[in-house]
Amino acid sequence: DSICLELLRFVSPTDNIYSCSFVQMLEQRLENAFDEAQDKVLETYNRLDVEIQSVSQEPGSPAVSLVYVVKNQDAILNGTISSGLLNQLTAELVGYFLFYPPLVIAERK
């Protein structure tokens, strides 16, 4: 039930997308975005944890793809629910939290 997030249109060539610090930074920023989405659409609030499973970048492209799962305590959220929750936010707001504009937020096929 992982989600593929194609984003980071303007990742700097100096950013090492495979470094632990880059991945941890994005996990934290995604968690903040999910917090905001929950505040917007849910009456209950649970701290959601994000675990990035993979990061990839096509050669010559500034776009980066993330595959991640969202956990509510020990349970992994359904990918449709997770992507639907994040899609409650505008692309601009997701970009605000991530510091990079998203291209696509979708359940992984």
PDB file of N, CA and C in Angstrom:
ATOM      1  N   ASP A   1       0.829  -1.200   0.000  1.00  0.00           N
ATOM      2  CA  ASP A   1       0.000   0.000   0.000  1.00  0.00           C
ATOM      3  C   ASP A   1       0.870   1.260   0.000  1.00  0.00           C
ATOM      4  N   SER A   2       1.912   1.226  -0.787  1.00  0.00           N
ATOM      5  CA  SER A   2       2.796   2.386  -0.834  1.00  0.00           C
ATOM      6  C   SER A   2       2.281   3.412  -1.829  1.00  0.00           C
ATOM      7  N   ILE A   3       2.778   4.606  -1.690  1.00  0.00           N
ATOM      8  CA  ILE A   3       2.379   5.722  -2.537  1.00  0.00           C
ATOM      9  C   ILE A   3       3.597   6.179  -3.320  1.00  0.00           C
ATOM     10  N   CYS A   4       3.370   6.491  -4.578  1.00  0.00           N
ATOM     11  CA  CYS A   4       4.426   7.070  -5.390  1.00  0.00           C
ATOM     12  C   CYS A   4       4.165   8.564  -5.475  1.00  0.00           C
ATOM     13  N   LEU A   5       5.133   9.333  -5.113  1.00  0.00           N
ATOM     14  CA  LEU A   5       5.024  10.788  -5.153  1.00  0.00           C
ATOM     15  C   LEU A   5       6.099  11.294  -6.092  1.00  0.00           C
ATOM     16  N   GLU A   6       5.685  11.791  -7.230  1.00  0.00           N
ATOM     17  CA  GLU A   6       6.649  12.375  -8.148  1.00  0.00           C
ATOM     18  C   GLU A   6       6.654  13.872  -7.892  1.00  0.00           C
ATOM     19  N   LEU A   7       7.780  14.358  -7.487  1.00  0.00           N
ATOM     20  CA  LEU A   7       7.831  15.742  -7.099  1.00  0.00           C
ATOM     21  C   LEU A   7       9.223  16.293  -7.206  1.00  0.00           C
ATOM     22  N   LEU A   8       9.454  17.305  -6.428  1.00  0.00           N
ATOM     23  CA  LEU A   8      10.788  17.873  -6.321  1.00  0.00           C
ATOM     24  C   LEU A   8      11.292  18.316  -7.682  1.00  0.00           C
ATOM     25  N   ARG A   9      10.449  19.044  -8.365  1.00  0.00           N
ATOM     26  CA  ARG A   9      10.764  19.477  -9.722  1.00  0.00           C
ATOM     27  C   ARG A   9      12.059  20.270  -9.776  1.00  0.00           C
ATOM     28  N   PHE A  10      12.373  20.939  -8.692  1.00  0.00           N
ATOM     29  CA  PHE A  10      13.526  21.829  -8.723  1.00  0.00           C
ATOM     30  C   PHE A  10      14.589  21.406  -7.715  1.00  0.00           C
ATOM     31  N   VAL A  11      14.804  20.103  -7.615  1.00  0.00           N
ATOM     32  CA  VAL A  11      15.862  19.627  -6.729  1.00  0.00           C
ATOM     33  C   VAL A  11      17.195  20.111  -7.272  1.00  0.00           C
ATOM     34  N   SER A  12      17.985  20.667  -6.398  1.00  0.00           N
ATOM     35  CA  SER A  12      19.277  21.206  -6.799  1.00  0.00           C
ATOM     36  C   SER A  12      20.241  20.072  -7.141  1.00  0.00           C
ATOM     37  N   PRO A  13      21.092  20.278  -8.128  1.00  0.00           N
ATOM     38  CA  PRO A  13      22.105  19.251  -8.429  1.00  0.00           C
ATOM     39  C   PRO A  13      23.024  18.980  -7.243  1.00  0.00           C
ATOM     40  N   THR A  14      23.079  19.914  -6.296  1.00  0.00           N
ATOM     41  CA  THR A  14      23.931  19.707  -5.128  1.00  0.00           C
ATOM     42  C   THR A  14      23.239  18.888  -4.046  1.00  0.00           C
ATOM     43  N   ASP A  15      21.913  18.673  -4.178  1.00  0.00           N
ATOM     44  CA  ASP A  15      21.201  17.835  -3.216  1.00  0.00           C
ATOM     45  C   ASP A  15      21.515  16.368  -3.497  1.00  0.00           C
ATOM     46  N   ASN A  16      21.957  15.663  -2.477  1.00  0.00           N
ATOM     47  CA  ASN A  16      22.174  14.220  -2.626  1.00  0.00           C
ATOM     48  C   ASN A  16      20.889  13.523  -2.201  1.00  0.00           C
ATOM     49  N   ILE A  17      20.054  13.165  -3.182  1.00  0.00           N
ATOM     50  CA  ILE A  17      18.744  12.607  -2.868  1.00  0.00           C
ATOM     51  C   ILE A  17      18.831  11.235  -2.213  1.00  0.00           C
ATOM     52  N   TYR A  18      19.987  10.589  -2.282  1.00  0.00           N
ATOM     53  CA  TYR A  18      20.141   9.263  -1.697  1.00  0.00           C
ATOM     54  C   TYR A  18      20.715   9.307  -0.283  1.00  0.00           C
ATOM     55  N   SER A  19      21.009  10.492   0.217  1.00  0.00           N
ATOM     56  CA  SER A  19      21.588  10.594   1.553  1.00  0.00           C
ATOM     57  C   SER A  19      20.516  10.409   2.622  1.00  0.00           C
ATOM     58  N   CYS A  20      20.935   9.893   3.768  1.00  0.00           N
ATOM     59  CA  CYS A  20      20.003   9.703   4.884  1.00  0.00           C
ATOM     60  C   CYS A  20      19.396  11.031   5.315  1.00  0.00           C
ATOM     61  N   SER A  21      20.185  12.087   5.317  1.00  0.00           N
ATOM     62  CA  SER A  21      19.666  13.373   5.787  1.00  0.00           C
ATOM     63  C   SER A  21      18.581  13.910   4.850  1.00  0.00           C
ATOM     64  N   PHE A  22      18.741  13.715   3.543  1.00  0.00           N
ATOM     65  CA  PHE A  22      17.730  14.165   2.584  1.00  0.00           C
ATOM     66  C   PHE A  22      16.440  13.376   2.784  1.00  0.00           C
ATOM     67  N   VAL A  23      16.550  12.054   2.913  1.00  0.00           N
ATOM     68  CA  VAL A  23      15.377  11.198   3.109  1.00  0.00           C
ATOM     69  C   VAL A  23      14.682  11.533   4.423  1.00  0.00           C
ATOM     70  N   GLN A  24      15.444  11.687   5.501  1.00  0.00           N
ATOM     71  CA  GLN A  24      14.850  12.011   6.801  1.00  0.00           C
ATOM     72  C   GLN A  24      14.162  13.369   6.768  1.00  0.00           C
ATOM     73  N   MET A  25      14.765  14.331   6.099  1.00  0.00           N
ATOM     74  CA  MET A  25      14.163  15.659   5.971  1.00  0.00           C
ATOM     75  C   MET A  25      12.822  15.550   5.253  1.00  0.00           C
ATOM     76  N   LEU A  26      12.766  14.785   4.163  1.00  0.00           N
ATOM     77  CA  LEU A  26      11.512  14.640   3.422  1.00  0.00           C
ATOM     78  C   LEU A  26      10.471  13.864   4.215  1.00  0.00           C
ATOM     79  N   GLU A  27      10.892  12.859   4.966  1.00  0.00           N
ATOM     80  CA  GLU A  27       9.933  12.141   5.814  1.00  0.00           C
ATOM     81  C   GLU A  27       9.283  13.099   6.801  1.00  0.00           C
ATOM     82  N   GLN A  28      10.083  13.947   7.443  1.00  0.00           N
ATOM     83  CA  GLN A  28       9.549  14.909   8.404  1.00  0.00           C
ATOM     84  C   GLN A  28       8.610  15.899   7.728  1.00  0.00           C
ATOM     85  N   ARG A  29       8.981  16.383   6.557  1.00  0.00           N
ATOM     86  CA  ARG A  29       8.146  17.355   5.856  1.00  0.00           C
ATOM     87  C   ARG A  29       6.837  16.717   5.382  1.00  0.00           C
ATOM     88  N   LEU A  30       6.902  15.451   4.937  1.00  0.00           N
ATOM     89  CA  LEU A  30       5.680  14.754   4.551  1.00  0.00           C
ATOM     90  C   LEU A  30       4.767  14.542   5.755  1.00  0.00           C
ATOM     91  N   GLU A  31       5.355  14.206   6.905  1.00  0.00           N
ATOM     92  CA  GLU A  31       4.556  14.052   8.125  1.00  0.00           C
ATOM     93  C   GLU A  31       3.842  15.353   8.462  1.00  0.00           C
ATOM     94  N   ASN A  32       4.520  16.472   8.298  1.00  0.00           N
ATOM     95  CA  ASN A  32       3.888  17.773   8.544  1.00  0.00           C
ATOM     96  C   ASN A  32       2.739  18.026   7.575  1.00  0.00           C
ATOM     97  N   ALA A  33       2.923  17.632   6.312  1.00  0.00           N
ATOM     98  CA  ALA A  33       1.858  17.796   5.325  1.00  0.00           C
ATOM     99  C   ALA A  33       0.658  16.922   5.679  1.00  0.00           C
ATOM    100  N   PHE A  34       0.913  15.695   6.126  1.00  0.00           N
ATOM    101  CA  PHE A  34      -0.189  14.825   6.535  1.00  0.00           C
ATOM    102  C   PHE A  34      -0.898  15.373   7.770  1.00  0.00           C
ATOM    103  N   ASP A  35      -0.142  15.963   8.692  1.00  0.00           N
ATOM    104  CA  ASP A  35      -0.767  16.613   9.854  1.00  0.00           C
ATOM    105  C   ASP A  35      -1.745  17.693   9.395  1.00  0.00           C
ATOM    106  N   GLU A  36      -1.315  18.503   8.450  1.00  0.00           N
ATOM    107  CA  GLU A  36      -2.154  19.577   7.927  1.00  0.00           C
ATOM    108  C   GLU A  36      -3.395  19.014   7.229  1.00  0.00           C
ATOM    109  N   ALA A  37      -3.213  17.954   6.458  1.00  0.00           N
ATOM    110  CA  ALA A  37      -4.342  17.335   5.761  1.00  0.00           C
ATOM    111  C   ALA A  37      -5.355  16.773   6.747  1.00  0.00           C
ATOM    112  N   GLN A  38      -4.864  16.143   7.820  1.00  0.00           N
ATOM    113  CA  GLN A  38      -5.773  15.625   8.844  1.00  0.00           C
ATOM    114  C   GLN A  38      -6.544  16.752   9.510  1.00  0.00           C
ATOM    115  N   ASP A  39      -5.861  17.835   9.805  1.00  0.00           N
ATOM    116  CA  ASP A  39      -6.528  18.982  10.420  1.00  0.00           C
ATOM    117  C   ASP A  39      -7.658  19.493   9.532  1.00  0.00           C
ATOM    118  N   LYS A  40      -7.447  19.397   8.231  1.00  0.00           N
ATOM    119  CA  LYS A  40      -8.420  19.926   7.278  1.00  0.00           C
ATOM    120  C   LYS A  40      -9.648  19.037   7.135  1.00  0.00           C
ATOM    121  N   VAL A  41      -9.462  17.718   7.120  1.00  0.00           N
ATOM    122  CA  VAL A  41     -10.570  16.839   6.733  1.00  0.00           C
ATOM    123  C   VAL A  41     -11.058  15.871   7.802  1.00  0.00           C
ATOM    124  N   LEU A  42     -10.308  15.651   8.840  1.00  0.00           N
ATOM    125  CA  LEU A  42     -10.703  14.655   9.835  1.00  0.00           C
ATOM    126  C   LEU A  42     -11.005  15.311  11.170  1.00  0.00           C
ATOM    127  N   GLU A  43     -11.975  14.746  11.859  1.00  0.00           N
ATOM    128  CA  GLU A  43     -12.272  15.255  13.195  1.00  0.00           C
ATOM    129  C   GLU A  43     -11.406  14.587  14.247  1.00  0.00           C
ATOM    130  N   THR A  44     -10.853  13.448  13.909  1.00  0.00           N
ATOM    131  CA  THR A  44      -9.926  12.787  14.813  1.00  0.00           C
ATOM    132  C   THR A  44      -8.512  13.050  14.323  1.00  0.00           C
ATOM    133  N   TYR A  45      -7.583  12.961  15.233  1.00  0.00           N
ATOM    134  CA  TYR A  45      -6.206  13.270  14.876  1.00  0.00           C
ATOM    135  C   TYR A  45      -5.303  12.171  15.391  1.00  0.00           C
ATOM    136  N   ASN A  46      -4.516  11.607  14.503  1.00  0.00           N
ATOM    137  CA  ASN A  46      -3.498  10.629  14.864  1.00  0.00           C
ATOM    138  C   ASN A  46      -2.190  11.065  14.226  1.00  0.00           C
ATOM    139  N   ARG A  47      -1.136  10.972  14.981  1.00  0.00           N
ATOM    140  CA  ARG A  47       0.169  11.285  14.416  1.00  0.00           C
ATOM    141  C   ARG A  47       0.519  10.198  13.410  1.00  0.00           C
ATOM    142  N   LEU A  48       0.722  10.588  12.156  1.00  0.00           N
ATOM    143  CA  LEU A  48       1.070   9.643  11.111  1.00  0.00           C
ATOM    144  C   LEU A  48       2.571   9.695  10.868  1.00  0.00           C
ATOM    145  N   ASP A  49       3.148   8.532  10.713  1.00  0.00           N
ATOM    146  CA  ASP A  49       4.577   8.436  10.413  1.00  0.00           C
ATOM    147  C   ASP A  49       4.758   8.079   8.951  1.00  0.00           C
ATOM    148  N   VAL A  50       5.743   8.686   8.330  1.00  0.00           N
ATOM    149  CA  VAL A  50       6.053   8.417   6.933  1.00  0.00           C
ATOM    150  C   VAL A  50       7.389   7.692   6.859  1.00  0.00           C
ATOM    151  N   GLU A  51       7.422   6.632   6.070  1.00  0.00           N
ATOM    152  CA  GLU A  51       8.674   5.904   5.852  1.00  0.00           C
ATOM    153  C   GLU A  51       8.921   5.839   4.348  1.00  0.00           C
ATOM    154  N   ILE A  52       9.961   6.511   3.914  1.00  0.00           N
ATOM    155  CA  ILE A  52      10.315   6.505   2.502  1.00  0.00           C
ATOM    156  C   ILE A  52      11.019   5.187   2.189  1.00  0.00           C
ATOM    157  N   GLN A  53      10.499   4.486   1.172  1.00  0.00           N
ATOM    158  CA  GLN A  53      11.058   3.189   0.795  1.00  0.00           C
ATOM    159  C   GLN A  53      12.090   3.306  -0.308  1.00  0.00           C
ATOM    160  N   SER A  54      11.877   4.256  -1.213  1.00  0.00           N
ATOM    161  CA  SER A  54      12.868   4.431  -2.272  1.00  0.00           C
ATOM    162  C   SER A  54      12.802   5.844  -2.832  1.00  0.00           C
ATOM    163  N   VAL A  55      13.935   6.276  -3.350  1.00  0.00           N
ATOM    164  CA  VAL A  55      14.068   7.582  -3.989  1.00  0.00           C
ATOM    165  C   VAL A  55      14.760   7.332  -5.314  1.00  0.00           C
ATOM    166  N   SER A  56      14.238   7.923  -6.381  1.00  0.00           N
ATOM    167  CA  SER A  56      14.870   7.729  -7.681  1.00  0.00           C
ATOM    168  C   SER A  56      14.773   8.998  -8.506  1.00  0.00           C
ATOM    169  N   GLN A  57      15.650   9.090  -9.467  1.00  0.00           N
ATOM    170  CA  GLN A  57      15.687  10.250 -10.354  1.00  0.00           C
ATOM    171  C   GLN A  57      16.150   9.792 -11.724  1.00  0.00           C
ATOM    172  N   GLU A  58      15.379  10.165 -12.754  1.00  0.00           N
ATOM    173  CA  GLU A  58      15.783   9.850 -14.117  1.00  0.00           C
ATOM    174  C   GLU A  58      16.999  10.704 -14.479  1.00  0.00           C
ATOM    175  N   PRO A  59      17.982  10.128 -15.149  1.00  0.00           N
ATOM    176  CA  PRO A  59      19.161  10.919 -15.550  1.00  0.00           C
ATOM    177  C   PRO A  59      18.756  12.133 -16.378  1.00  0.00           C
ATOM    178  N   GLY A  60      19.289  13.272 -16.013  1.00  0.00           N
ATOM    179  CA  GLY A  60      19.022  14.499 -16.740  1.00  0.00           C
ATOM    180  C   GLY A  60      17.721  15.190 -16.379  1.00  0.00           C
ATOM    181  N   SER A  61      16.941  14.582 -15.485  1.00  0.00           N
ATOM    182  CA  SER A  61      15.664  15.171 -15.087  1.00  0.00           C
ATOM    183  C   SER A  61      15.783  15.798 -13.699  1.00  0.00           C
ATOM    184  N   PRO A  62      15.159  16.965 -13.488  1.00  0.00           N
ATOM    185  CA  PRO A  62      15.166  17.550 -12.153  1.00  0.00           C
ATOM    186  C   PRO A  62      14.105  16.922 -11.245  1.00  0.00           C
ATOM    187  N   ALA A  63      13.205  16.086 -11.803  1.00  0.00           N
ATOM    188  CA  ALA A  63      12.140  15.486 -11.008  1.00  0.00           C
ATOM    189  C   ALA A  63      12.656  14.267 -10.251  1.00  0.00           C
ATOM    190  N   VAL A  64      12.165  14.121  -9.021  1.00  0.00           N
ATOM    191  CA  VAL A  64      12.531  13.008  -8.160  1.00  0.00           C
ATOM    192  C   VAL A  64      11.252  12.267  -7.803  1.00  0.00           C
ATOM    193  N   SER A  65      11.314  10.942  -7.800  1.00  0.00           N
ATOM    194  CA  SER A  65      10.172  10.128  -7.394  1.00  0.00           C
ATOM    195  C   SER A  65      10.460   9.503  -6.032  1.00  0.00           C
ATOM    196  N   LEU A  66       9.463   9.583  -5.163  1.00  0.00           N
ATOM    197  CA  LEU A  66       9.542   8.954  -3.854  1.00  0.00           C
ATOM    198  C   LEU A  66       8.496   7.861  -3.776  1.00  0.00           C
ATOM    199  N   VAL A  67       8.850   6.746  -3.187  1.00  0.00           N
ATOM    200  CA  VAL A  67       7.865   5.727  -2.836  1.00  0.00           C
ATOM    201  C   VAL A  67       7.917   5.618  -1.325  1.00  0.00           C
ATOM    202  N   TYR A  68       6.740   5.768  -0.697  1.00  0.00           N
ATOM    203  CA  TYR A  68       6.713   5.775   0.757  1.00  0.00           C
ATOM    204  C   TYR A  68       5.431   5.137   1.268  1.00  0.00           C
ATOM    205  N   VAL A  69       5.465   4.765   2.547  1.00  0.00           N
ATOM    206  CA  VAL A  69       4.276   4.267   3.226  1.00  0.00           C
ATOM    207  C   VAL A  69       3.970   5.206   4.378  1.00  0.00           C
ATOM    208  N   VAL A  70       2.684   5.242   4.723  1.00  0.00           N
ATOM    209  CA  VAL A  70       2.223   6.058   5.836  1.00  0.00           C
ATOM    210  C   VAL A  70       1.718   5.104   6.908  1.00  0.00           C
ATOM    211  N   LYS A  71       2.187   5.306   8.133  1.00  0.00           N
ATOM    212  CA  LYS A  71       1.809   4.424   9.238  1.00  0.00           C
ATOM    213  C   LYS A  71       1.032   5.202  10.292  1.00  0.00           C
ATOM    214  N   ASN A  72       0.004   4.547  10.796  1.00  0.00           N
ATOM    215  CA  ASN A  72      -0.752   5.043  11.943  1.00  0.00           C
ATOM    216  C   ASN A  72      -0.428   4.088  13.069  1.00  0.00           C
ATOM    217  N   GLN A  73       0.490   4.494  13.928  1.00  0.00           N
ATOM    218  CA  GLN A  73       1.085   3.613  14.924  1.00  0.00           C
ATOM    219  C   GLN A  73       1.762   2.472  14.181  1.00  0.00           C
ATOM    220  N   ASP A  74       1.331   1.221  14.367  1.00  0.00           N
ATOM    221  CA  ASP A  74       2.000   0.112  13.689  1.00  0.00           C
ATOM    222  C   ASP A  74       1.293  -0.323  12.418  1.00  0.00           C
ATOM    223  N   ALA A  75       0.117   0.245  12.141  1.00  0.00           N
ATOM    224  CA  ALA A  75      -0.651  -0.155  10.966  1.00  0.00           C
ATOM    225  C   ALA A  75      -0.293   0.723   9.774  1.00  0.00           C
ATOM    226  N   ILE A  76      -0.088   0.091   8.623  1.00  0.00           N
ATOM    227  CA  ILE A  76       0.182   0.831   7.394  1.00  0.00           C
ATOM    228  C   ILE A  76      -1.149   1.235   6.779  1.00  0.00           C
ATOM    229  N   LEU A  77      -1.283   2.508   6.473  1.00  0.00           N
ATOM    230  CA  LEU A  77      -2.507   3.001   5.855  1.00  0.00           C
ATOM    231  C   LEU A  77      -2.612   2.510   4.424  1.00  0.00           C
ATOM    232  N   ASN A  78      -3.827   2.258   4.003  1.00  0.00           N
ATOM    233  CA  ASN A  78      -4.114   1.925   2.622  1.00  0.00           C
ATOM    234  C   ASN A  78      -3.599   3.049   1.728  1.00  0.00           C
ATOM    235  N   GLY A  79      -2.977   2.690   0.609  1.00  0.00           N
ATOM    236  CA  GLY A  79      -2.395   3.690  -0.286  1.00  0.00           C
ATOM    237  C   GLY A  79      -3.409   4.655  -0.848  1.00  0.00           C
ATOM    238  N   THR A  80      -4.621   4.158  -1.125  1.00  0.00           N
ATOM    239  CA  THR A  80      -5.676   5.021  -1.650  1.00  0.00           C
ATOM    240  C   THR A  80      -6.067   6.071  -0.619  1.00  0.00           C
ATOM    241  N   ILE A  81      -6.175   5.651   0.635  1.00  0.00           N
ATOM    242  CA  ILE A  81      -6.527   6.576   1.709  1.00  0.00           C
ATOM    243  C   ILE A  81      -5.422   7.600   1.908  1.00  0.00           C
ATOM    244  N   SER A  82      -4.178   7.134   1.922  1.00  0.00           N
ATOM    245  CA  SER A  82      -3.044   8.032   2.140  1.00  0.00           C
ATOM    246  C   SER A  82      -2.926   9.084   1.041  1.00  0.00           C
ATOM    247  N   SER A  83      -2.998   8.622  -0.220  1.00  0.00           N
ATOM    248  CA  SER A  83      -2.867   9.588  -1.314  1.00  0.00           C
ATOM    249  C   SER A  83      -4.074  10.508  -1.362  1.00  0.00           C
ATOM    250  N   GLY A  84      -5.262   9.971  -1.042  1.00  0.00           N
ATOM    251  CA  GLY A  84      -6.458  10.803  -1.007  1.00  0.00           C
ATOM    252  C   GLY A  84      -6.378  11.874   0.064  1.00  0.00           C
ATOM    253  N   LEU A  85      -5.810  11.509   1.193  1.00  0.00           N
ATOM    254  CA  LEU A  85      -5.657  12.478   2.281  1.00  0.00           C
ATOM    255  C   LEU A  85      -4.724  13.606   1.865  1.00  0.00           C
ATOM    256  N   LEU A  86      -3.581  13.246   1.299  1.00  0.00           N
ATOM    257  CA  LEU A  86      -2.626  14.273   0.883  1.00  0.00           C
ATOM    258  C   LEU A  86      -3.192  15.130  -0.252  1.00  0.00           C
ATOM    259  N   ASN A  87      -4.010  14.524  -1.091  1.00  0.00           N
ATOM    260  CA  ASN A  87      -4.613  15.270  -2.194  1.00  0.00           C
ATOM    261  C   ASN A  87      -5.698  16.240  -1.736  1.00  0.00           C
ATOM    262  N   GLN A  88      -6.046  16.210  -0.454  1.00  0.00           N
ATOM    263  CA  GLN A  88      -6.967  17.211   0.082  1.00  0.00           C
ATOM    264  C   GLN A  88      -6.300  18.585   0.156  1.00  0.00           C
ATOM    265  N   LEU A  89      -4.985  18.585   0.124  1.00  0.00           N
ATOM    266  CA  LEU A  89      -4.232  19.832   0.139  1.00  0.00           C
ATOM    267  C   LEU A  89      -3.961  20.262  -1.299  1.00  0.00           C
ATOM    268  N   THR A  90      -3.862  21.545  -1.511  1.00  0.00           N
ATOM    269  CA  THR A  90      -3.494  22.024  -2.841  1.00  0.00           C
ATOM    270  C   THR A  90      -2.031  21.668  -3.112  1.00  0.00           C
ATOM    271  N   ALA A  91      -1.693  21.590  -4.391  1.00  0.00           N
ATOM    272  CA  ALA A  91      -0.303  21.315  -4.760  1.00  0.00           C
ATOM    273  C   ALA A  91       0.621  22.381  -4.180  1.00  0.00           C
ATOM    274  N   GLU A  92       0.131  23.617  -4.134  1.00  0.00           N
ATOM    275  CA  GLU A  92       0.940  24.710  -3.577  1.00  0.00           C
ATOM    276  C   GLU A  92       1.220  24.484  -2.095  1.00  0.00           C
ATOM    277  N   LEU A  93       0.195  23.994  -1.375  1.00  0.00           N
ATOM    278  CA  LEU A  93       0.380  23.775   0.063  1.00  0.00           C
ATOM    279  C   LEU A  93       1.311  22.583   0.315  1.00  0.00           C
ATOM    280  N   VAL A  94       1.161  21.522  -0.473  1.00  0.00           N
ATOM    281  CA  VAL A  94       2.090  20.385  -0.342  1.00  0.00           C
ATOM    282  C   VAL A  94       3.505  20.872  -0.638  1.00  0.00           C
ATOM    283  N   GLY A  95       3.643  21.677  -1.680  1.00  0.00           N
ATOM    284  CA  GLY A  95       4.954  22.239  -2.016  1.00  0.00           C
ATOM    285  C   GLY A  95       5.507  23.110  -0.904  1.00  0.00           C
ATOM    286  N   TYR A  96       4.623  23.833  -0.225  1.00  0.00           N
ATOM    287  CA  TYR A  96       5.048  24.667   0.913  1.00  0.00           C
ATOM    288  C   TYR A  96       5.660  23.788   2.005  1.00  0.00           C
ATOM    289  N   PHE A  97       5.000  22.674   2.321  1.00  0.00           N
ATOM    290  CA  PHE A  97       5.513  21.800   3.378  1.00  0.00           C
ATOM    291  C   PHE A  97       6.782  21.082   2.959  1.00  0.00           C
ATOM    292  N   LEU A  98       6.853  20.669   1.698  1.00  0.00           N
ATOM    293  CA  LEU A  98       8.015  19.913   1.239  1.00  0.00           C
ATOM    294  C   LEU A  98       9.170  20.795   0.785  1.00  0.00           C
ATOM    295  N   PHE A  99       8.886  22.066   0.518  1.00  0.00           N
ATOM    296  CA  PHE A  99       9.850  23.012  -0.045  1.00  0.00           C
ATOM    297  C   PHE A  99      10.137  22.721  -1.510  1.00  0.00           C
ATOM    298  N   TYR A 100       9.410  21.775  -2.094  1.00  0.00           N
ATOM    299  CA  TYR A 100       9.532  21.429  -3.502  1.00  0.00           C
ATOM    300  C   TYR A 100       8.121  21.233  -4.054  1.00  0.00           C
ATOM    301  N   PRO A 101       7.846  21.697  -5.258  1.00  0.00           N
ATOM    302  CA  PRO A 101       6.495  21.521  -5.810  1.00  0.00           C
ATOM    303  C   PRO A 101       6.249  20.084  -6.275  1.00  0.00           C
ATOM    304  N   PRO A 102       5.088  19.521  -5.912  1.00  0.00           N
ATOM    305  CA  PRO A 102       4.779  18.169  -6.368  1.00  0.00           C
ATOM    306  C   PRO A 102       4.306  18.161  -7.813  1.00  0.00           C
ATOM    307  N   LEU A 103       4.587  17.089  -8.494  1.00  0.00           N
ATOM    308  CA  LEU A 103       4.085  16.873  -9.845  1.00  0.00           C
ATOM    309  C   LEU A 103       2.874  15.936  -9.817  1.00  0.00           C
ATOM    310  N   VAL A 104       3.036  14.785  -9.150  1.00  0.00           N
ATOM    311  CA  VAL A 104       1.988  13.770  -9.085  1.00  0.00           C
ATOM    312  C   VAL A 104       2.001  13.160  -7.681  1.00  0.00           C
ATOM    313  N   ILE A 105       0.817  12.990  -7.111  1.00  0.00           N
ATOM    314  CA  ILE A 105       0.674  12.255  -5.857  1.00  0.00           C
ATOM    315  C   ILE A 105      -0.319  11.142  -6.142  1.00  0.00           C
ATOM    316  N   ALA A 106       0.122   9.907  -6.138  1.00  0.00           N
ATOM    317  CA  ALA A 106      -0.769   8.822  -6.529  1.00  0.00           C
ATOM    318  C   ALA A 106      -0.401   7.527  -5.838  1.00  0.00           C
ATOM    319  N   GLU A 107      -1.408   6.678  -5.708  1.00  0.00           N
ATOM    320  CA  GLU A 107      -1.155   5.343  -5.184  1.00  0.00           C
ATOM    321  C   GLU A 107      -0.277   4.608  -6.176  1.00  0.00           C
ATOM    322  N   ARG A 108       0.654   3.873  -5.661  1.00  0.00           N
ATOM    323  CA  ARG A 108       1.588   3.146  -6.530  1.00  0.00           C
ATOM    324  C   ARG A 108       0.852   2.009  -7.223  1.00  0.00           C
ATOM    325  N   LYS A 109       1.072   1.875  -8.510  1.00  0.00           N
ATOM    326  CA  LYS A 109       0.403   0.825  -9.290  1.00  0.00           C
ATOM    327  C   LYS A 109       1.247  -0.426  -9.341  1.00  0.00           C
TER     328      LYS A 109
END
